[in-house]
Amino acid sequence: MESEFFFAGAIVDSWVESARSADAGALLVMQVAPRGHPKDLVIVEAEVSLVSDRVWLEDLSENLCHGSPVPALGSTPPAFSL
Protein backbone atom coordinates (compact mmCIF):
# COMPACT_ATOMS: atom_id res chain seq x y z
CA MET A 1 0.00 0.00 0.00
CA GLU A 2 1.40 3.37 -1.00
CA SER A 3 1.28 6.31 1.34
CA GLU A 4 1.88 9.98 0.65
CA PHE A 5 5.06 11.65 1.84
CA PHE A 6 6.37 15.20 1.76
CA PHE A 7 9.96 16.35 1.49
CA ALA A 8 11.86 19.50 0.66
CA GLY A 9 15.16 19.76 -1.12
CA ALA A 10 17.16 21.49 -3.83
CA ILE A 11 16.93 21.02 -7.60
CA VAL A 12 20.04 19.29 -8.96
CA ASP A 13 18.96 18.68 -12.55
CA SER A 14 15.80 19.11 -14.61
CA TRP A 15 14.39 18.52 -18.06
CA VAL A 16 11.11 18.33 -19.97
CA GLU A 17 10.11 15.05 -21.64
CA SER A 18 7.75 14.92 -24.61
CA ALA A 19 4.31 13.45 -24.14
CA ARG A 20 4.43 9.66 -23.90
CA SER A 21 1.06 9.27 -25.60
CA ALA A 22 -1.37 11.36 -27.62
CA ASP A 23 -3.62 12.02 -24.63
CA ALA A 24 -0.82 12.90 -22.19
CA GLY A 25 0.97 16.21 -21.77
CA ALA A 26 4.69 16.95 -21.60
CA LEU A 27 6.36 15.92 -18.35
CA LEU A 28 8.62 18.04 -16.14
CA VAL A 29 11.28 15.87 -14.50
CA MET A 30 13.53 17.10 -11.69
CA GLN A 31 16.28 15.42 -9.70
CA VAL A 32 15.99 16.75 -6.16
CA ALA A 33 18.51 16.38 -3.34
CA PRO A 34 16.39 16.08 -0.17
CA ARG A 35 17.29 18.35 2.72
CA GLY A 36 19.47 16.38 5.16
CA HIS A 37 20.11 13.64 2.56
CA PRO A 38 21.90 15.45 -0.29
CA LYS A 39 23.40 12.27 -1.76
CA ASP A 40 20.01 10.51 -2.03
CA LEU A 41 18.55 12.03 -5.21
CA VAL A 42 14.80 11.73 -5.73
CA ILE A 43 13.15 11.95 -9.15
CA VAL A 44 10.11 14.24 -9.14
CA GLU A 45 7.76 14.20 -12.14
CA ALA A 46 4.83 16.50 -12.88
CA GLU A 47 2.85 17.45 -15.95
CA VAL A 48 4.16 20.72 -17.37
CA SER A 49 0.58 22.02 -17.42
CA LEU A 50 0.64 22.04 -13.59
CA VAL A 51 3.37 24.71 -13.58
CA SER A 52 1.56 28.03 -13.68
CA ASP A 53 4.71 30.19 -13.62
CA ARG A 54 5.97 30.12 -17.24
CA VAL A 55 8.99 32.32 -16.42
CA TRP A 56 10.11 29.81 -13.76
CA LEU A 57 9.62 26.98 -16.27
CA GLU A 58 11.77 28.81 -18.83
CA ASP A 59 14.46 29.43 -16.19
CA LEU A 60 14.30 25.76 -15.24
CA SER A 61 14.80 24.66 -18.83
CA GLU A 62 17.90 26.89 -19.01
CA ASN A 63 19.27 25.40 -15.75
CA LEU A 64 18.91 28.74 -13.96
CA CYS A 65 16.88 27.15 -11.13
CA HIS A 66 19.38 24.48 -10.16
CA GLY A 67 20.05 24.75 -6.43
CA SER A 68 16.63 26.32 -5.85
CA PRO A 69 14.53 24.94 -3.01
CA VAL A 70 11.51 22.84 -3.95
CA PRO A 71 8.85 21.07 -1.87
CA ALA A 72 7.39 17.80 -3.19
CA LEU A 73 4.49 15.55 -2.29
CA GLY A 74 4.54 11.99 -3.58
CA SER A 75 3.07 8.54 -3.28
CA THR A 76 6.19 6.38 -3.50
CA PRO A 77 8.48 6.90 -0.52
CA PRO A 78 12.16 7.67 -1.07
CA ALA A 79 14.78 5.08 -0.10
CA PHE A 80 15.90 7.08 2.95
CA SER A 81 14.14 7.62 6.26
CA LEU A 82 12.91 11.09 7.09
PDB file of N, CA and C in Angstrom:
ATOM      1  N   MET A   1       0.837  -1.183   0.000  1.00  0.00           N
ATOM      2  CA  MET A   1       0.000   0.000   0.000  1.00  0.00           C
ATOM      3  C   MET A   1       0.882   1.247   0.000  1.00  0.00           C
ATOM      4  N   GLU A   2       0.623   2.142  -0.912  1.00  0.00           N
ATOM      5  CA  GLU A   2       1.404   3.367  -1.002  1.00  0.00           C
ATOM      6  C   GLU A   2       0.838   4.412  -0.058  1.00  0.00           C
ATOM      7  N   SER A   3       1.720   5.206   0.509  1.00  0.00           N
ATOM      8  CA  SER A   3       1.281   6.313   1.345  1.00  0.00           C
ATOM      9  C   SER A   3       1.950   7.584   0.841  1.00  0.00           C
ATOM     10  N   GLU A   4       1.310   8.710   1.097  1.00  0.00           N
ATOM     11  CA  GLU A   4       1.879   9.977   0.655  1.00  0.00           C
ATOM     12  C   GLU A   4       3.000  10.407   1.587  1.00  0.00           C
ATOM     13  N   PHE A   5       3.983  11.091   1.037  1.00  0.00           N
ATOM     14  CA  PHE A   5       5.065  11.653   1.835  1.00  0.00           C
ATOM     15  C   PHE A   5       5.387  13.028   1.289  1.00  0.00           C
ATOM     16  N   PHE A   6       5.973  13.841   2.126  1.00  0.00           N
ATOM     17  CA  PHE A   6       6.365  15.197   1.762  1.00  0.00           C
ATOM     18  C   PHE A   6       7.846  15.339   2.064  1.00  0.00           C
ATOM     19  N   PHE A   7       8.573  16.020   1.185  1.00  0.00           N
ATOM     20  CA  PHE A   7       9.956  16.349   1.490  1.00  0.00           C
ATOM     21  C   PHE A   7      10.310  17.656   0.797  1.00  0.00           C
ATOM     22  N   ALA A   8      11.361  18.271   1.260  1.00  0.00           N
ATOM     23  CA  ALA A   8      11.863  19.501   0.658  1.00  0.00           C
ATOM     24  C   ALA A   8      13.331  19.276   0.327  1.00  0.00           C
ATOM     25  N   GLY A   9      13.779  19.915  -0.724  1.00  0.00           N
ATOM     26  CA  GLY A   9      15.163  19.757  -1.123  1.00  0.00           C
ATOM     27  C   GLY A   9      15.546  20.809  -2.139  1.00  0.00           C
ATOM     28  N   ALA A  10      16.652  20.560  -2.833  1.00  0.00           N
ATOM     29  CA  ALA A  10      17.164  21.494  -3.831  1.00  0.00           C
ATOM     30  C   ALA A  10      17.224  20.809  -5.187  1.00  0.00           C
ATOM     31  N   ILE A  11      16.894  21.546  -6.230  1.00  0.00           N
ATOM     32  CA  ILE A  11      16.933  21.023  -7.598  1.00  0.00           C
ATOM     33  C   ILE A  11      18.386  20.827  -8.020  1.00  0.00           C
ATOM     34  N   VAL A  12      18.696  19.612  -8.481  1.00  0.00           N
ATOM     35  CA  VAL A  12      20.038  19.287  -8.958  1.00  0.00           C
ATOM     36  C   VAL A  12      20.078  19.285 -10.481  1.00  0.00           C
ATOM     37  N   ASP A  13      19.047  18.743 -11.095  1.00  0.00           N
ATOM     38  CA  ASP A  13      18.962  18.683 -12.552  1.00  0.00           C
ATOM     39  C   ASP A  13      17.491  18.682 -12.937  1.00  0.00           C
ATOM     40  N   SER A  14      17.197  19.066 -14.169  1.00  0.00           N
ATOM     41  CA  SER A  14      15.799  19.111 -14.613  1.00  0.00           C
ATOM     42  C   SER A  14      15.739  19.060 -16.129  1.00  0.00           C
ATOM     43  N   TRP A  15      14.614  18.568 -16.627  1.00  0.00           N
ATOM     44  CA  TRP A  15      14.388  18.519 -18.060  1.00  0.00           C
ATOM     45  C   TRP A  15      12.899  18.324 -18.312  1.00  0.00           C
ATOM     46  N   VAL A  16      12.491  18.545 -19.566  1.00  0.00           N
ATOM     47  CA  VAL A  16      11.108  18.329 -19.973  1.00  0.00           C
ATOM     48  C   VAL A  16      11.112  17.187 -20.978  1.00  0.00           C
ATOM     49  N   GLU A  17      10.260  16.188 -20.730  1.00  0.00           N
ATOM     50  CA  GLU A  17      10.114  15.054 -21.638  1.00  0.00           C
ATOM     51  C   GLU A  17       8.853  15.243 -22.465  1.00  0.00           C
ATOM     52  N   SER A  18       8.917  14.853 -23.720  1.00  0.00           N
ATOM     53  CA  SER A  18       7.754  14.921 -24.608  1.00  0.00           C
ATOM     54  C   SER A  18       6.655  14.009 -24.088  1.00  0.00           C
ATOM     55  N   ALA A  19       5.448  14.278 -24.531  1.00  0.00           N
ATOM     56  CA  ALA A  19       4.306  13.451 -24.141  1.00  0.00           C
ATOM     57  C   ALA A  19       4.556  12.003 -24.539  1.00  0.00           C
ATOM     58  N   ARG A  20       4.220  11.086 -23.640  1.00  0.00           N
ATOM     59  CA  ARG A  20       4.427   9.665 -23.904  1.00  0.00           C
ATOM     60  C   ARG A  20       3.312   9.069 -24.751  1.00  0.00           C
ATOM     61  N   SER A  21       2.177   9.726 -24.775  1.00  0.00           N
ATOM     62  CA  SER A  21       1.061   9.268 -25.600  1.00  0.00           C
ATOM     63  C   SER A  21       0.294  10.488 -26.092  1.00  0.00           C
ATOM     64  N   ALA A  22      -0.617  10.265 -27.022  1.00  0.00           N
ATOM     65  CA  ALA A  22      -1.369  11.365 -27.622  1.00  0.00           C
ATOM     66  C   ALA A  22      -2.258  12.089 -26.616  1.00  0.00           C
ATOM     67  N   ASP A  23      -2.729  11.393 -25.602  1.00  0.00           N
ATOM     68  CA  ASP A  23      -3.622  12.022 -24.631  1.00  0.00           C
ATOM     69  C   ASP A  23      -2.906  12.542 -23.385  1.00  0.00           C
ATOM     70  N   ALA A  24      -1.595  12.422 -23.338  1.00  0.00           N
ATOM     71  CA  ALA A  24      -0.820  12.902 -22.191  1.00  0.00           C
ATOM     72  C   ALA A  24      -0.093  14.194 -22.561  1.00  0.00           C
ATOM     73  N   GLY A  25       0.224  14.977 -21.542  1.00  0.00           N
ATOM     74  CA  GLY A  25       0.975  16.206 -21.770  1.00  0.00           C
ATOM     75  C   GLY A  25       2.456  15.988 -21.564  1.00  0.00           C
ATOM     76  N   ALA A  26       3.258  17.015 -21.846  1.00  0.00           N
ATOM     77  CA  ALA A  26       4.691  16.952 -21.598  1.00  0.00           C
ATOM     78  C   ALA A  26       4.926  16.803 -20.105  1.00  0.00           C
ATOM     79  N   LEU A  27       6.063  16.229 -19.746  1.00  0.00           N
ATOM     80  CA  LEU A  27       6.363  15.918 -18.349  1.00  0.00           C
ATOM     81  C   LEU A  27       7.599  16.677 -17.887  1.00  0.00           C
ATOM     82  N   LEU A  28       7.486  17.375 -16.779  1.00  0.00           N
ATOM     83  CA  LEU A  28       8.616  18.042 -16.143  1.00  0.00           C
ATOM     84  C   LEU A  28       9.256  17.037 -15.196  1.00  0.00           C
ATOM     85  N   VAL A  29      10.558  16.817 -15.339  1.00  0.00           N
ATOM     86  CA  VAL A  29      11.281  15.868 -14.497  1.00  0.00           C
ATOM     87  C   VAL A  29      12.394  16.630 -13.785  1.00  0.00           C
ATOM     88  N   MET A  30      12.483  16.453 -12.470  1.00  0.00           N
ATOM     89  CA  MET A  30      13.534  17.098 -11.691  1.00  0.00           C
ATOM     90  C   MET A  30      14.225  16.063 -10.812  1.00  0.00           C
ATOM     91  N   GLN A  31      15.542  16.173 -10.699  1.00  0.00           N
ATOM     92  CA  GLN A  31      16.277  15.425  -9.696  1.00  0.00           C
ATOM     93  C   GLN A  31      16.404  16.364  -8.514  1.00  0.00           C
ATOM     94  N   VAL A  32      15.974  15.905  -7.353  1.00  0.00           N
ATOM     95  CA  VAL A  32      15.986  16.746  -6.160  1.00  0.00           C
ATOM     96  C   VAL A  32      16.830  16.083  -5.081  1.00  0.00           C
ATOM     97  N   ALA A  33      17.715  16.853  -4.476  1.00  0.00           N
ATOM     98  CA  ALA A  33      18.509  16.384  -3.336  1.00  0.00           C
ATOM     99  C   ALA A  33      17.743  16.764  -2.076  1.00  0.00           C
ATOM    100  N   PRO A  34      17.173  15.786  -1.368  1.00  0.00           N
ATOM    101  CA  PRO A  34      16.389  16.085  -0.170  1.00  0.00           C
ATOM    102  C   PRO A  34      17.228  16.743   0.919  1.00  0.00           C
ATOM    103  N   ARG A  35      16.630  17.685   1.607  1.00  0.00           N
ATOM    104  CA  ARG A  35      17.292  18.355   2.720  1.00  0.00           C
ATOM    105  C   ARG A  35      17.701  17.312   3.759  1.00  0.00           C
ATOM    106  N   GLY A  36      18.951  17.329   4.170  1.00  0.00           N
ATOM    107  CA  GLY A  36      19.468  16.384   5.158  1.00  0.00           C
ATOM    108  C   GLY A  36      19.962  15.082   4.560  1.00  0.00           C
ATOM    109  N   HIS A  37      19.677  14.857   3.274  1.00  0.00           N
ATOM    110  CA  HIS A  37      20.108  13.643   2.564  1.00  0.00           C
ATOM    111  C   HIS A  37      20.560  14.017   1.159  1.00  0.00           C
ATOM    112  N   PRO A  38      21.547  14.912   1.026  1.00  0.00           N
ATOM    113  CA  PRO A  38      21.895  15.455  -0.292  1.00  0.00           C
ATOM    114  C   PRO A  38      22.419  14.433  -1.299  1.00  0.00           C
ATOM    115  N   LYS A  39      22.887  13.286  -0.837  1.00  0.00           N
ATOM    116  CA  LYS A  39      23.400  12.268  -1.762  1.00  0.00           C
ATOM    117  C   LYS A  39      22.306  11.330  -2.262  1.00  0.00           C
ATOM    118  N   ASP A  40      21.119  11.376  -1.663  1.00  0.00           N
ATOM    119  CA  ASP A  40      20.006  10.511  -2.032  1.00  0.00           C
ATOM    120  C   ASP A  40      19.054  11.264  -2.965  1.00  0.00           C
ATOM    121  N   LEU A  41      19.365  11.287  -4.252  1.00  0.00           N
ATOM    122  CA  LEU A  41      18.546  12.035  -5.207  1.00  0.00           C
ATOM    123  C   LEU A  41      17.192  11.370  -5.399  1.00  0.00           C
ATOM    124  N   VAL A  42      16.165  12.190  -5.498  1.00  0.00           N
ATOM    125  CA  VAL A  42      14.801  11.726  -5.730  1.00  0.00           C
ATOM    126  C   VAL A  42      14.340  12.311  -7.060  1.00  0.00           C
ATOM    127  N   ILE A  43      13.718  11.483  -7.883  1.00  0.00           N
ATOM    128  CA  ILE A  43      13.155  11.952  -9.147  1.00  0.00           C
ATOM    129  C   ILE A  43      11.726  12.432  -8.888  1.00  0.00           C
ATOM    130  N   VAL A  44      11.442  13.657  -9.290  1.00  0.00           N
ATOM    131  CA  VAL A  44      10.111  14.242  -9.139  1.00  0.00           C
ATOM    132  C   VAL A  44       9.580  14.511 -10.542  1.00  0.00           C
ATOM    133  N   GLU A  45       8.375  14.002 -10.834  1.00  0.00           N
ATOM    134  CA  GLU A  45       7.758  14.200 -12.138  1.00  0.00           C
ATOM    135  C   GLU A  45       6.420  14.900 -11.973  1.00  0.00           C
ATOM    136  N   ALA A  46       6.122  15.804 -12.887  1.00  0.00           N
ATOM    137  CA  ALA A  46       4.832  16.496 -12.885  1.00  0.00           C
ATOM    138  C   ALA A  46       4.512  16.910 -14.309  1.00  0.00           C
ATOM    139  N   GLU A  47       3.232  16.964 -14.628  1.00  0.00           N
ATOM    140  CA  GLU A  47       2.848  17.451 -15.948  1.00  0.00           C
ATOM    141  C   GLU A  47       3.200  18.931 -16.041  1.00  0.00           C
ATOM    142  N   VAL A  48       3.761  19.323 -17.162  1.00  0.00           N
ATOM    143  CA  VAL A  48       4.158  20.716 -17.374  1.00  0.00           C
ATOM    144  C   VAL A  48       2.966  21.649 -17.193  1.00  0.00           C
ATOM    145  N   SER A  49       1.773  21.187 -17.532  1.00  0.00           N
ATOM    146  CA  SER A  49       0.577  22.022 -17.419  1.00  0.00           C
ATOM    147  C   SER A  49       0.280  22.418 -15.968  1.00  0.00           C
ATOM    148  N   LEU A  50       0.850  21.709 -14.998  1.00  0.00           N
ATOM    149  CA  LEU A  50       0.642  22.045 -13.586  1.00  0.00           C
ATOM    150  C   LEU A  50       1.490  23.224 -13.128  1.00  0.00           C
ATOM    151  N   VAL A  51       2.486  23.597 -13.928  1.00  0.00           N
ATOM    152  CA  VAL A  51       3.371  24.711 -13.576  1.00  0.00           C
ATOM    153  C   VAL A  51       2.752  25.988 -14.118  1.00  0.00           C
ATOM    154  N   SER A  52       2.241  26.811 -13.243  1.00  0.00           N
ATOM    155  CA  SER A  52       1.558  28.029 -13.679  1.00  0.00           C
ATOM    156  C   SER A  52       2.524  29.180 -13.974  1.00  0.00           C
ATOM    157  N   ASP A  53       3.735  29.118 -13.437  1.00  0.00           N
ATOM    158  CA  ASP A  53       4.712  30.189 -13.621  1.00  0.00           C
ATOM    159  C   ASP A  53       5.594  29.865 -14.828  1.00  0.00           C
ATOM    160  N   ARG A  54       5.237  30.407 -15.992  1.00  0.00           N
ATOM    161  CA  ARG A  54       5.970  30.118 -17.237  1.00  0.00           C
ATOM    162  C   ARG A  54       7.395  30.663 -17.213  1.00  0.00           C
ATOM    163  N   VAL A  55       7.629  31.766 -16.512  1.00  0.00           N
ATOM    164  CA  VAL A  55       8.986  32.320 -16.423  1.00  0.00           C
ATOM    165  C   VAL A  55       9.878  31.345 -15.650  1.00  0.00           C
ATOM    166  N   TRP A  56       9.357  30.788 -14.550  1.00  0.00           N
ATOM    167  CA  TRP A  56      10.114  29.809 -13.763  1.00  0.00           C
ATOM    168  C   TRP A  56      10.401  28.582 -14.617  1.00  0.00           C
ATOM    169  N   LEU A  57       9.435  28.136 -15.404  1.00  0.00           N
ATOM    170  CA  LEU A  57       9.616  26.975 -16.266  1.00  0.00           C
ATOM    171  C   LEU A  57      10.702  27.245 -17.311  1.00  0.00           C
ATOM    172  N   GLU A  58      10.719  28.442 -17.878  1.00  0.00           N
ATOM    173  CA  GLU A  58      11.765  28.809 -18.834  1.00  0.00           C
ATOM    174  C   GLU A  58      13.127  28.833 -18.155  1.00  0.00           C
ATOM    175  N   ASP A  59      13.208  29.413 -16.948  1.00  0.00           N
ATOM    176  CA  ASP A  59      14.463  29.434 -16.195  1.00  0.00           C
ATOM    177  C   ASP A  59      14.925  28.016 -15.890  1.00  0.00           C
ATOM    178  N   LEU A  60      13.981  27.152 -15.548  1.00  0.00           N
ATOM    179  CA  LEU A  60      14.302  25.764 -15.236  1.00  0.00           C
ATOM    180  C   LEU A  60      14.884  25.067 -16.458  1.00  0.00           C
ATOM    181  N   SER A  61      14.313  25.311 -17.614  1.00  0.00           N
ATOM    182  CA  SER A  61      14.802  24.662 -18.834  1.00  0.00           C
ATOM    183  C   SER A  61      16.192  25.161 -19.222  1.00  0.00           C
ATOM    184  N   GLU A  62      16.567  26.338 -18.736  1.00  0.00           N
ATOM    185  CA  GLU A  62      17.897  26.888 -19.008  1.00  0.00           C
ATOM    186  C   GLU A  62      18.855  26.642 -17.846  1.00  0.00           C
ATOM    187  N   ASN A  63      18.455  25.777 -16.919  1.00  0.00           N
ATOM    188  CA  ASN A  63      19.265  25.398 -15.755  1.00  0.00           C
ATOM    189  C   ASN A  63      19.539  26.560 -14.807  1.00  0.00           C
ATOM    190  N   LEU A  64      18.712  27.596 -14.843  1.00  0.00           N
ATOM    191  CA  LEU A  64      18.908  28.736 -13.955  1.00  0.00           C
ATOM    192  C   LEU A  64      18.326  28.488 -12.563  1.00  0.00           C
ATOM    193  N   CYS A  65      17.523  27.441 -12.412  1.00  0.00           N
ATOM    194  CA  CYS A  65      16.877  27.149 -11.128  1.00  0.00           C
ATOM    195  C   CYS A  65      17.605  26.078 -10.331  1.00  0.00           C
ATOM    196  N   HIS A  66      18.671  25.529 -10.877  1.00  0.00           N
ATOM    197  CA  HIS A  66      19.376  24.485 -10.155  1.00  0.00           C
ATOM    198  C   HIS A  66      19.911  25.040  -8.840  1.00  0.00           C
ATOM    199  N   GLY A  67      19.696  24.302  -7.768  1.00  0.00           N
ATOM    200  CA  GLY A  67      20.046  24.750  -6.430  1.00  0.00           C
ATOM    201  C   GLY A  67      18.881  25.407  -5.718  1.00  0.00           C
ATOM    202  N   SER A  68      17.809  25.695  -6.456  1.00  0.00           N
ATOM    203  CA  SER A  68      16.628  26.322  -5.853  1.00  0.00           C
ATOM    204  C   SER A  68      15.888  25.331  -4.967  1.00  0.00           C
ATOM    205  N   PRO A  69      15.314  25.827  -3.877  1.00  0.00           N
ATOM    206  CA  PRO A  69      14.530  24.937  -3.008  1.00  0.00           C
ATOM    207  C   PRO A  69      13.221  24.551  -3.676  1.00  0.00           C
ATOM    208  N   VAL A  70      12.766  23.325  -3.393  1.00  0.00           N
ATOM    209  CA  VAL A  70      11.510  22.844  -3.953  1.00  0.00           C
ATOM    210  C   VAL A  70      10.861  21.884  -2.956  1.00  0.00           C
ATOM    211  N   PRO A  71       9.572  22.065  -2.682  1.00  0.00           N
ATOM    212  CA  PRO A  71       8.849  21.075  -1.867  1.00  0.00           C
ATOM    213  C   PRO A  71       8.194  20.059  -2.810  1.00  0.00           C
ATOM    214  N   ALA A  72       8.033  18.821  -2.355  1.00  0.00           N
ATOM    215  CA  ALA A  72       7.388  17.805  -3.188  1.00  0.00           C
ATOM    216  C   ALA A  72       6.507  16.912  -2.325  1.00  0.00           C
ATOM    217  N   LEU A  73       5.424  16.478  -2.921  1.00  0.00           N
ATOM    218  CA  LEU A  73       4.490  15.547  -2.289  1.00  0.00           C
ATOM    219  C   LEU A  73       4.373  14.372  -3.233  1.00  0.00           C
ATOM    220  N   GLY A  74       4.567  13.149  -2.704  1.00  0.00           N
ATOM    221  CA  GLY A  74       4.542  11.987  -3.582  1.00  0.00           C
ATOM    222  C   GLY A  74       3.854  10.795  -2.964  1.00  0.00           C
ATOM    223  N   SER A  75       3.734   9.741  -3.774  1.00  0.00           N
ATOM    224  CA  SER A  75       3.074   8.545  -3.284  1.00  0.00           C
ATOM    225  C   SER A  75       3.995   7.340  -3.196  1.00  0.00           C
ATOM    226  N   THR A  76       5.215   7.455  -3.667  1.00  0.00           N
ATOM    227  CA  THR A  76       6.187   6.380  -3.496  1.00  0.00           C
ATOM    228  C   THR A  76       7.300   6.915  -2.617  1.00  0.00           C
ATOM    229  N   PRO A  77       7.497   6.338  -1.448  1.00  0.00           N
ATOM    230  CA  PRO A  77       8.476   6.903  -0.523  1.00  0.00           C
ATOM    231  C   PRO A  77       9.913   6.790  -1.037  1.00  0.00           C
ATOM    232  N   PRO A  78      10.757   7.761  -0.690  1.00  0.00           N
ATOM    233  CA  PRO A  78      12.160   7.673  -1.066  1.00  0.00           C
ATOM    234  C   PRO A  78      12.844   6.553  -0.288  1.00  0.00           C
ATOM    235  N   ALA A  79      14.047   6.186  -0.709  1.00  0.00           N
ATOM    236  CA  ALA A  79      14.776   5.076  -0.097  1.00  0.00           C
ATOM    237  C   ALA A  79      15.329   5.422   1.282  1.00  0.00           C
ATOM    238  N   PHE A  80      15.347   6.683   1.650  1.00  0.00           N
ATOM    239  CA  PHE A  80      15.898   7.079   2.949  1.00  0.00           C
ATOM    240  C   PHE A  80      14.777   7.316   3.946  1.00  0.00           C
ATOM    241  N   SER A  81      15.138   7.363   5.210  1.00  0.00           N
ATOM    242  CA  SER A  81      14.137   7.615   6.265  1.00  0.00           C
ATOM    243  C   SER A  81      14.171   9.072   6.647  1.00  0.00           C
ATOM    244  N   LEU A  82      13.003   9.686   6.687  1.00  0.00           N
ATOM    245  CA  LEU A  82      12.910  11.090   7.094  1.00  0.00           C
ATOM    246  C   LEU A  82      12.713  11.197   8.576  1.00  0.00           C
TER     247      LEU A  82
END
